[in-house]
Amino acid sequence: MIRRHAVVHGRVQGVSFRARCAETATAAGVAGWVANQPDGTVEVLLEGEQAGVSQVLAWCHEGSEQSHVTGVDVSEEPPEGLSGFEQR
């Protein structure tokens, strides 16, 4: 079990990024949340098996069809045993 906190930069708000991220995370069996931030970034918290978390992080670097990701800052955090995935 691992936990990663990511901040996604670029054109990532108003382009279905959060909805597609939630779908990707749920399909990968990853818990956590995704939320728009006032500065135009999207914050993502992921917790689960390494393969699933890595899959969602790889998706975050690509984004939805309408988005344009210019960077992703990722940090490690200790797992807390989250369940489910939500859009905030």
PDB file of N, CA and C in Angstrom:
ATOM      1  N   MET A   1       0.851  -1.185   0.000  1.00  0.00           N
ATOM      2  CA  MET A   1       0.000   0.000   0.000  1.00  0.00           C
ATOM      3  C   MET A   1       0.892   1.241   0.000  1.00  0.00           C
ATOM      4  N   ILE A   2       0.626   2.142  -0.954  1.00  0.00           N
ATOM      5  CA  ILE A   2       1.367   3.397  -1.018  1.00  0.00           C
ATOM      6  C   ILE A   2       0.384   4.559  -1.125  1.00  0.00           C
ATOM      7  N   ARG A   3       0.888   5.759  -0.858  1.00  0.00           N
ATOM      8  CA  ARG A   3       0.077   6.975  -0.944  1.00  0.00           C
ATOM      9  C   ARG A   3       0.907   8.048  -1.637  1.00  0.00           C
ATOM     10  N   ARG A   4       0.288   8.705  -2.622  1.00  0.00           N
ATOM     11  CA  ARG A   4       0.958   9.784  -3.353  1.00  0.00           C
ATOM     12  C   ARG A   4       0.034  10.990  -3.422  1.00  0.00           C
ATOM     13  N   HIS A   5       0.630  12.157  -3.272  1.00  0.00           N
ATOM     14  CA  HIS A   5      -0.081  13.428  -3.374  1.00  0.00           C
ATOM     15  C   HIS A   5       0.463  14.119  -4.614  1.00  0.00           C
ATOM     16  N   ALA A   6      -0.411  14.510  -5.528  1.00  0.00           N
ATOM     17  CA  ALA A   6       0.030  15.128  -6.785  1.00  0.00           C
ATOM     18  C   ALA A   6      -0.676  16.458  -6.995  1.00  0.00           C
ATOM     19  N   VAL A   7       0.046  17.401  -7.579  1.00  0.00           N
ATOM     20  CA  VAL A   7      -0.524  18.673  -8.007  1.00  0.00           C
ATOM     21  C   VAL A   7      -0.290  18.753  -9.515  1.00  0.00           C
ATOM     22  N   VAL A   8      -1.379  18.847 -10.264  1.00  0.00           N
ATOM     23  CA  VAL A   8      -1.316  18.825 -11.727  1.00  0.00           C
ATOM     24  C   VAL A   8      -1.467  20.250 -12.250  1.00  0.00           C
ATOM     25  N   HIS A   9      -0.517  20.670 -13.080  1.00  0.00           N
ATOM     26  CA  HIS A   9      -0.489  22.018 -13.641  1.00  0.00           C
ATOM     27  C   HIS A   9      -0.883  22.000 -15.115  1.00  0.00           C
ATOM     28  N   GLY A  10      -1.375  23.126 -15.604  1.00  0.00           N
ATOM     29  CA  GLY A  10      -1.739  23.269 -17.009  1.00  0.00           C
ATOM     30  C   GLY A  10      -3.200  23.668 -17.128  1.00  0.00           C
ATOM     31  N   ARG A  11      -3.778  23.365 -18.284  1.00  0.00           N
ATOM     32  CA  ARG A  11      -5.214  23.613 -18.484  1.00  0.00           C
ATOM     33  C   ARG A  11      -5.934  22.357 -18.018  1.00  0.00           C
ATOM     34  N   VAL A  12      -6.260  22.324 -16.726  1.00  0.00           N
ATOM     35  CA  VAL A  12      -6.811  21.109 -16.131  1.00  0.00           C
ATOM     36  C   VAL A  12      -8.125  21.343 -15.385  1.00  0.00           C
ATOM     37  N   GLN A  13      -8.656  22.553 -15.448  1.00  0.00           N
ATOM     38  CA  GLN A  13      -9.962  22.821 -14.853  1.00  0.00           C
ATOM     39  C   GLN A  13     -10.960  23.135 -15.962  1.00  0.00           C
ATOM     40  N   GLY A  14     -12.191  22.634 -15.795  1.00  0.00           N
ATOM     41  CA  GLY A  14     -13.235  22.866 -16.791  1.00  0.00           C
ATOM     42  C   GLY A  14     -13.076  22.024 -18.040  1.00  0.00           C
ATOM     43  N   VAL A  15     -12.295  20.939 -17.944  1.00  0.00           N
ATOM     44  CA  VAL A  15     -12.035  20.087 -19.110  1.00  0.00           C
ATOM     45  C   VAL A  15     -12.235  18.603 -18.779  1.00  0.00           C
ATOM     46  N   SER A  16     -13.092  18.320 -17.809  1.00  0.00           N
ATOM     47  CA  SER A  16     -13.426  16.950 -17.387  1.00  0.00           C
ATOM     48  C   SER A  16     -12.258  16.195 -16.758  1.00  0.00           C
ATOM     49  N   PHE A  17     -11.239  16.915 -16.301  1.00  0.00           N
ATOM     50  CA  PHE A  17     -10.077  16.252 -15.706  1.00  0.00           C
ATOM     51  C   PHE A  17     -10.472  15.470 -14.456  1.00  0.00           C
ATOM     52  N   ARG A  18     -11.219  16.114 -13.547  1.00  0.00           N
ATOM     53  CA  ARG A  18     -11.574  15.440 -12.294  1.00  0.00           C
ATOM     54  C   ARG A  18     -12.435  14.207 -12.534  1.00  0.00           C
ATOM     55  N   ALA A  19     -13.415  14.313 -13.417  1.00  0.00           N
ATOM     56  CA  ALA A  19     -14.300  13.174 -13.680  1.00  0.00           C
ATOM     57  C   ALA A  19     -13.531  12.001 -14.276  1.00  0.00           C
ATOM     58  N   ARG A  20     -12.679  12.273 -15.253  1.00  0.00           N
ATOM     59  CA  ARG A  20     -11.898  11.199 -15.877  1.00  0.00           C
ATOM     60  C   ARG A  20     -10.872  10.625 -14.890  1.00  0.00           C
ATOM     61  N   CYS A  21     -10.308  11.474 -14.045  1.00  0.00           N
ATOM     62  CA  CYS A  21      -9.368  11.003 -13.030  1.00  0.00           C
ATOM     63  C   CYS A  21     -10.067  10.054 -12.060  1.00  0.00           C
ATOM     64  N   ALA A  22     -11.260  10.422 -11.629  1.00  0.00           N
ATOM     65  CA  ALA A  22     -12.024   9.577 -10.715  1.00  0.00           C
ATOM     66  C   ALA A  22     -12.362   8.235 -11.363  1.00  0.00           C
ATOM     67  N   GLU A  23     -12.748   8.251 -12.623  1.00  0.00           N
ATOM     68  CA  GLU A  23     -13.040   7.003 -13.338  1.00  0.00           C
ATOM     69  C   GLU A  23     -11.797   6.125 -13.427  1.00  0.00           C
ATOM     70  N   THR A  24     -10.658   6.738 -13.751  1.00  0.00           N
ATOM     71  CA  THR A  24      -9.400   5.994 -13.880  1.00  0.00           C
ATOM     72  C   THR A  24      -8.996   5.389 -12.547  1.00  0.00           C
ATOM     73  N   ALA A  25      -9.101   6.175 -11.471  1.00  0.00           N
ATOM     74  CA  ALA A  25      -8.723   5.689 -10.143  1.00  0.00           C
ATOM     75  C   ALA A  25      -9.640   4.556  -9.685  1.00  0.00           C
ATOM     76  N   THR A  26     -10.930   4.723  -9.896  1.00  0.00           N
ATOM     77  CA  THR A  26     -11.882   3.690  -9.489  1.00  0.00           C
ATOM     78  C   THR A  26     -11.617   2.393 -10.244  1.00  0.00           C
ATOM     79  N   ALA A  27     -11.369   2.492 -11.545  1.00  0.00           N
ATOM     80  CA  ALA A  27     -11.083   1.302 -12.359  1.00  0.00           C
ATOM     81  C   ALA A  27      -9.793   0.620 -11.912  1.00  0.00           C
ATOM     82  N   ALA A  28      -8.842   1.405 -11.407  1.00  0.00           N
ATOM     83  CA  ALA A  28      -7.550   0.852 -10.965  1.00  0.00           C
ATOM     84  C   ALA A  28      -7.589   0.387  -9.514  1.00  0.00           C
ATOM     85  N   GLY A  29      -8.736   0.558  -8.839  1.00  0.00           N
ATOM     86  CA  GLY A  29      -8.851   0.140  -7.451  1.00  0.00           C
ATOM     87  C   GLY A  29      -8.114   1.044  -6.484  1.00  0.00           C
ATOM     88  N   VAL A  30      -7.981   2.324  -6.844  1.00  0.00           N
ATOM     89  CA  VAL A  30      -7.231   3.282  -6.034  1.00  0.00           C
ATOM     90  C   VAL A  30      -8.200   4.176  -5.261  1.00  0.00           C
ATOM     91  N   ALA A  31      -7.914   4.407  -4.001  1.00  0.00           N
ATOM     92  CA  ALA A  31      -8.726   5.280  -3.154  1.00  0.00           C
ATOM     93  C   ALA A  31      -8.143   6.690  -3.150  1.00  0.00           C
ATOM     94  N   GLY A  32      -8.954   7.666  -2.689  1.00  0.00           N
ATOM     95  CA  GLY A  32      -8.467   9.027  -2.556  1.00  0.00           C
ATOM     96  C   GLY A  32      -9.463  10.045  -3.053  1.00  0.00           C
ATOM     97  N   TRP A  33      -8.953  11.158  -3.560  1.00  0.00           N
ATOM     98  CA  TRP A  33      -9.814  12.236  -4.039  1.00  0.00           C
ATOM     99  C   TRP A  33      -9.085  13.106  -5.051  1.00  0.00           C
ATOM    100  N   VAL A  34      -9.875  13.913  -5.774  1.00  0.00           N
ATOM    101  CA  VAL A  34      -9.350  14.868  -6.746  1.00  0.00           C
ATOM    102  C   VAL A  34     -10.138  16.162  -6.562  1.00  0.00           C
ATOM    103  N   ALA A  35      -9.431  17.308  -6.593  1.00  0.00           N
ATOM    104  CA  ALA A  35     -10.094  18.589  -6.335  1.00  0.00           C
ATOM    105  C   ALA A  35      -9.433  19.722  -7.108  1.00  0.00           C
ATOM    106  N   ASN A  36     -10.268  20.631  -7.630  1.00  0.00           N
ATOM    107  CA  ASN A  36      -9.759  21.861  -8.227  1.00  0.00           C
ATOM    108  C   ASN A  36      -9.214  22.757  -7.120  1.00  0.00           C
ATOM    109  N   GLN A  37      -8.166  23.513  -7.434  1.00  0.00           N
ATOM    110  CA  GLN A  37      -7.586  24.459  -6.487  1.00  0.00           C
ATOM    111  C   GLN A  37      -7.753  25.880  -7.017  1.00  0.00           C
ATOM    112  N   PRO A  38      -7.799  26.878  -6.138  1.00  0.00           N
ATOM    113  CA  PRO A  38      -8.010  28.264  -6.567  1.00  0.00           C
ATOM    114  C   PRO A  38      -6.943  28.784  -7.545  1.00  0.00           C
ATOM    115  N   ASP A  39      -5.745  28.217  -7.513  1.00  0.00           N
ATOM    116  CA  ASP A  39      -4.672  28.694  -8.396  1.00  0.00           C
ATOM    117  C   ASP A  39      -4.727  28.085  -9.794  1.00  0.00           C
ATOM    118  N   GLY A  40      -5.768  27.275 -10.093  1.00  0.00           N
ATOM    119  CA  GLY A  40      -5.914  26.683 -11.423  1.00  0.00           C
ATOM    120  C   GLY A  40      -5.347  25.288 -11.552  1.00  0.00           C
ATOM    121  N   THR A  41      -4.697  24.789 -10.511  1.00  0.00           N
ATOM    122  CA  THR A  41      -4.176  23.429 -10.534  1.00  0.00           C
ATOM    123  C   THR A  41      -5.263  22.461 -10.080  1.00  0.00           C
ATOM    124  N   VAL A  42      -4.978  21.171 -10.212  1.00  0.00           N
ATOM    125  CA  VAL A  42      -5.842  20.128  -9.666  1.00  0.00           C
ATOM    126  C   VAL A  42      -4.991  19.305  -8.713  1.00  0.00           C
ATOM    127  N   GLU A  43      -5.515  19.088  -7.515  1.00  0.00           N
ATOM    128  CA  GLU A  43      -4.823  18.310  -6.494  1.00  0.00           C
ATOM    129  C   GLU A  43      -5.407  16.901  -6.489  1.00  0.00           C
ATOM    130  N   VAL A  44      -4.532  15.899  -6.407  1.00  0.00           N
ATOM    131  CA  VAL A  44      -4.957  14.498  -6.446  1.00  0.00           C
ATOM    132  C   VAL A  44      -4.274  13.752  -5.303  1.00  0.00           C
ATOM    133  N   LEU A  45      -5.049  13.012  -4.526  1.00  0.00           N
ATOM    134  CA  LEU A  45      -4.499  12.155  -3.482  1.00  0.00           C
ATOM    135  C   LEU A  45      -4.851  10.723  -3.840  1.00  0.00           C
ATOM    136  N   LEU A  46      -3.844   9.872  -3.901  1.00  0.00           N
ATOM    137  CA  LEU A  46      -4.026   8.486  -4.335  1.00  0.00           C
ATOM    138  C   LEU A  46      -3.471   7.537  -3.287  1.00  0.00           C
ATOM    139  N   GLU A  47      -4.216   6.483  -3.004  1.00  0.00           N
ATOM    140  CA  GLU A  47      -3.751   5.488  -2.055  1.00  0.00           C
ATOM    141  C   GLU A  47      -4.192   4.110  -2.525  1.00  0.00           C
ATOM    142  N   GLY A  48      -3.245   3.177  -2.575  1.00  0.00           N
ATOM    143  CA  GLY A  48      -3.570   1.820  -3.007  1.00  0.00           C
ATOM    144  C   GLY A  48      -2.313   1.041  -3.330  1.00  0.00           C
ATOM    145  N   GLU A  49      -2.496  -0.035  -4.077  1.00  0.00           N
ATOM    146  CA  GLU A  49      -1.351  -0.843  -4.500  1.00  0.00           C
ATOM    147  C   GLU A  49      -0.499  -0.035  -5.469  1.00  0.00           C
ATOM    148  N   GLN A  50       0.795  -0.308  -5.474  1.00  0.00           N
ATOM    149  CA  GLN A  50       1.722   0.479  -6.286  1.00  0.00           C
ATOM    150  C   GLN A  50       1.343   0.491  -7.761  1.00  0.00           C
ATOM    151  N   ALA A  51       0.935  -0.641  -8.306  1.00  0.00           N
ATOM    152  CA  ALA A  51       0.595  -0.705  -9.735  1.00  0.00           C
ATOM    153  C   ALA A  51      -0.572   0.219 -10.068  1.00  0.00           C
ATOM    154  N   GLY A  52      -1.612   0.214  -9.235  1.00  0.00           N
ATOM    155  CA  GLY A  52      -2.772   1.057  -9.482  1.00  0.00           C
ATOM    156  C   GLY A  52      -2.459   2.533  -9.339  1.00  0.00           C
ATOM    157  N   VAL A  53      -1.727   2.892  -8.286  1.00  0.00           N
ATOM    158  CA  VAL A  53      -1.344   4.292  -8.076  1.00  0.00           C
ATOM    159  C   VAL A  53      -0.473   4.769  -9.226  1.00  0.00           C
ATOM    160  N   SER A  54       0.475   3.947  -9.658  1.00  0.00           N
ATOM    161  CA  SER A  54       1.346   4.314 -10.782  1.00  0.00           C
ATOM    162  C   SER A  54       0.540   4.519 -12.058  1.00  0.00           C
ATOM    163  N   GLN A  55      -0.478   3.681 -12.264  1.00  0.00           N
ATOM    164  CA  GLN A  55      -1.337   3.806 -13.445  1.00  0.00           C
ATOM    165  C   GLN A  55      -2.078   5.141 -13.435  1.00  0.00           C
ATOM    166  N   VAL A  56      -2.623   5.531 -12.290  1.00  0.00           N
ATOM    167  CA  VAL A  56      -3.363   6.790 -12.206  1.00  0.00           C
ATOM    168  C   VAL A  56      -2.410   7.975 -12.351  1.00  0.00           C
ATOM    169  N   LEU A  57      -1.225   7.898 -11.755  1.00  0.00           N
ATOM    170  CA  LEU A  57      -0.250   8.985 -11.911  1.00  0.00           C
ATOM    171  C   LEU A  57       0.167   9.139 -13.371  1.00  0.00           C
ATOM    172  N   ALA A  58       0.333   8.033 -14.074  1.00  0.00           N
ATOM    173  CA  ALA A  58       0.670   8.101 -15.504  1.00  0.00           C
ATOM    174  C   ALA A  58      -0.464   8.794 -16.261  1.00  0.00           C
ATOM    175  N   TRP A  59      -1.711   8.465 -15.916  1.00  0.00           N
ATOM    176  CA  TRP A  59      -2.847   9.131 -16.547  1.00  0.00           C
ATOM    177  C   TRP A  59      -2.821  10.633 -16.251  1.00  0.00           C
ATOM    178  N   CYS A  60      -2.485  11.007 -15.026  1.00  0.00           N
ATOM    179  CA  CYS A  60      -2.438  12.430 -14.648  1.00  0.00           C
ATOM    180  C   CYS A  60      -1.462  13.214 -15.520  1.00  0.00           C
ATOM    181  N   HIS A  61      -0.400  12.580 -15.963  1.00  0.00           N
ATOM    182  CA  HIS A  61       0.563  13.253 -16.843  1.00  0.00           C
ATOM    183  C   HIS A  61      -0.022  13.493 -18.238  1.00  0.00           C
ATOM    184  N   GLU A  62      -1.019  12.697 -18.622  1.00  0.00           N
ATOM    185  CA  GLU A  62      -1.669  12.839 -19.930  1.00  0.00           C
ATOM    186  C   GLU A  62      -2.935  13.680 -19.837  1.00  0.00           C
ATOM    187  N   GLY A  63      -3.782  13.377 -18.851  1.00  0.00           N
ATOM    188  CA  GLY A  63      -5.016  14.113 -18.637  1.00  0.00           C
ATOM    189  C   GLY A  63      -6.139  13.690 -19.565  1.00  0.00           C
ATOM    190  N   SER A  64      -7.246  14.418 -19.468  1.00  0.00           N
ATOM    191  CA  SER A  64      -8.414  14.158 -20.314  1.00  0.00           C
ATOM    192  C   SER A  64      -8.147  14.686 -21.723  1.00  0.00           C
ATOM    193  N   GLU A  65      -9.050  14.364 -22.651  1.00  0.00           N
ATOM    194  CA  GLU A  65      -8.859  14.782 -24.050  1.00  0.00           C
ATOM    195  C   GLU A  65      -8.756  16.291 -24.196  1.00  0.00           C
ATOM    196  N   GLN A  66      -9.520  17.037 -23.401  1.00  0.00           N
ATOM    197  CA  GLN A  66      -9.542  18.488 -23.539  1.00  0.00           C
ATOM    198  C   GLN A  66      -8.457  19.192 -22.722  1.00  0.00           C
ATOM    199  N   SER A  67      -7.840  18.488 -21.793  1.00  0.00           N
ATOM    200  CA  SER A  67      -6.849  19.131 -20.926  1.00  0.00           C
ATOM    201  C   SER A  67      -5.481  19.224 -21.611  1.00  0.00           C
ATOM    202  N   HIS A  68      -4.627  20.049 -21.018  1.00  0.00           N
ATOM    203  CA  HIS A  68      -3.235  20.174 -21.474  1.00  0.00           C
ATOM    204  C   HIS A  68      -2.365  20.252 -20.223  1.00  0.00           C
ATOM    205  N   VAL A  69      -1.785  19.109 -19.855  1.00  0.00           N
ATOM    206  CA  VAL A  69      -0.974  19.019 -18.646  1.00  0.00           C
ATOM    207  C   VAL A  69       0.434  19.515 -18.954  1.00  0.00           C
ATOM    208  N   THR A  70       0.909  20.471 -18.135  1.00  0.00           N
ATOM    209  CA  THR A  70       2.271  20.999 -18.321  1.00  0.00           C
ATOM    210  C   THR A  70       3.232  20.504 -17.254  1.00  0.00           C
ATOM    211  N   GLY A  71       2.717  19.901 -16.198  1.00  0.00           N
ATOM    212  CA  GLY A  71       3.586  19.375 -15.150  1.00  0.00           C
ATOM    213  C   GLY A  71       2.794  18.716 -14.047  1.00  0.00           C
ATOM    214  N   VAL A  72       3.440  17.780 -13.356  1.00  0.00           N
ATOM    215  CA  VAL A  72       2.827  17.093 -12.226  1.00  0.00           C
ATOM    216  C   VAL A  72       3.868  16.996 -11.118  1.00  0.00           C
ATOM    217  N   ASP A  73       3.573  17.604  -9.971  1.00  0.00           N
ATOM    218  CA  ASP A  73       4.442  17.512  -8.798  1.00  0.00           C
ATOM    219  C   ASP A  73       3.905  16.397  -7.917  1.00  0.00           C
ATOM    220  N   VAL A  74       4.750  15.404  -7.604  1.00  0.00           N
ATOM    221  CA  VAL A  74       4.313  14.246  -6.817  1.00  0.00           C
ATOM    222  C   VAL A  74       5.155  14.132  -5.559  1.00  0.00           C
ATOM    223  N   SER A  75       4.489  13.899  -4.444  1.00  0.00           N
ATOM    224  CA  SER A  75       5.199  13.650  -3.187  1.00  0.00           C
ATOM    225  C   SER A  75       4.644  12.379  -2.548  1.00  0.00           C
ATOM    226  N   GLU A  76       5.489  11.730  -1.749  1.00  0.00           N
ATOM    227  CA  GLU A  76       5.091  10.518  -1.036  1.00  0.00           C
ATOM    228  C   GLU A  76       4.568  10.890   0.336  1.00  0.00           C
ATOM    229  N   GLU A  77       3.559  10.146   0.793  1.00  0.00           N
ATOM    230  CA  GLU A  77       3.002  10.327   2.128  1.00  0.00           C
ATOM    231  C   GLU A  77       2.738   8.946   2.715  1.00  0.00           C
ATOM    232  N   PRO A  78       2.665   8.838   4.029  1.00  0.00           N
ATOM    233  CA  PRO A  78       2.341   7.537   4.630  1.00  0.00           C
ATOM    234  C   PRO A  78       0.874   7.181   4.395  1.00  0.00           C
ATOM    235  N   PRO A  79       0.578   5.940   4.031  1.00  0.00           N
ATOM    236  CA  PRO A  79      -0.811   5.516   3.802  1.00  0.00           C
ATOM    237  C   PRO A  79      -1.657   5.658   5.064  1.00  0.00           C
ATOM    238  N   GLU A  80      -2.928   5.969   4.882  1.00  0.00           N
ATOM    239  CA  GLU A  80      -3.858   6.112   6.001  1.00  0.00           C
ATOM    240  C   GLU A  80      -5.026   5.127   5.935  1.00  0.00           C
ATOM    241  N   GLY A  81      -5.044   4.273   4.915  1.00  0.00           N
ATOM    242  CA  GLY A  81      -6.114   3.282   4.814  1.00  0.00           C
ATOM    243  C   GLY A  81      -7.416   3.835   4.264  1.00  0.00           C
ATOM    244  N   LEU A  82      -7.332   4.737   3.300  1.00  0.00           N
ATOM    245  CA  LEU A  82      -8.529   5.322   2.675  1.00  0.00           C
ATOM    246  C   LEU A  82      -9.318   4.265   1.905  1.00  0.00           C
ATOM    247  N   SER A  83     -10.601   4.534   1.721  1.00  0.00           N
ATOM    248  CA  SER A  83     -11.423   3.680   0.858  1.00  0.00           C
ATOM    249  C   SER A  83     -12.297   4.585   0.003  1.00  0.00           C
ATOM    250  N   GLY A  84     -12.544   4.160  -1.236  1.00  0.00           N
ATOM    251  CA  GLY A  84     -13.362   4.931  -2.155  1.00  0.00           C
ATOM    252  C   GLY A  84     -12.602   6.095  -2.762  1.00  0.00           C
ATOM    253  N   PHE A  85     -13.174   6.659  -3.804  1.00  0.00           N
ATOM    254  CA  PHE A  85     -12.547   7.806  -4.492  1.00  0.00           C
ATOM    255  C   PHE A  85     -13.624   8.843  -4.750  1.00  0.00           C
ATOM    256  N   GLU A  86     -13.319  10.114  -4.444  1.00  0.00           N
ATOM    257  CA  GLU A  86     -14.312  11.159  -4.613  1.00  0.00           C
ATOM    258  C   GLU A  86     -13.765  12.372  -5.351  1.00  0.00           C
ATOM    259  N   GLN A  87     -14.681  13.052  -6.034  1.00  0.00           N
ATOM    260  CA  GLN A  87     -14.382  14.358  -6.630  1.00  0.00           C
ATOM    261  C   GLN A  87     -14.790  15.411  -5.606  1.00  0.00           C
ATOM    262  N   ARG A  88     -13.896  16.330  -5.353  1.00  0.00           N
ATOM    263  CA  ARG A  88     -14.226  17.406  -4.398  1.00  0.00           C
ATOM    264  C   ARG A  88     -14.414  18.702  -5.132  1.00  0.00           C
TER     265      ARG A  88
END
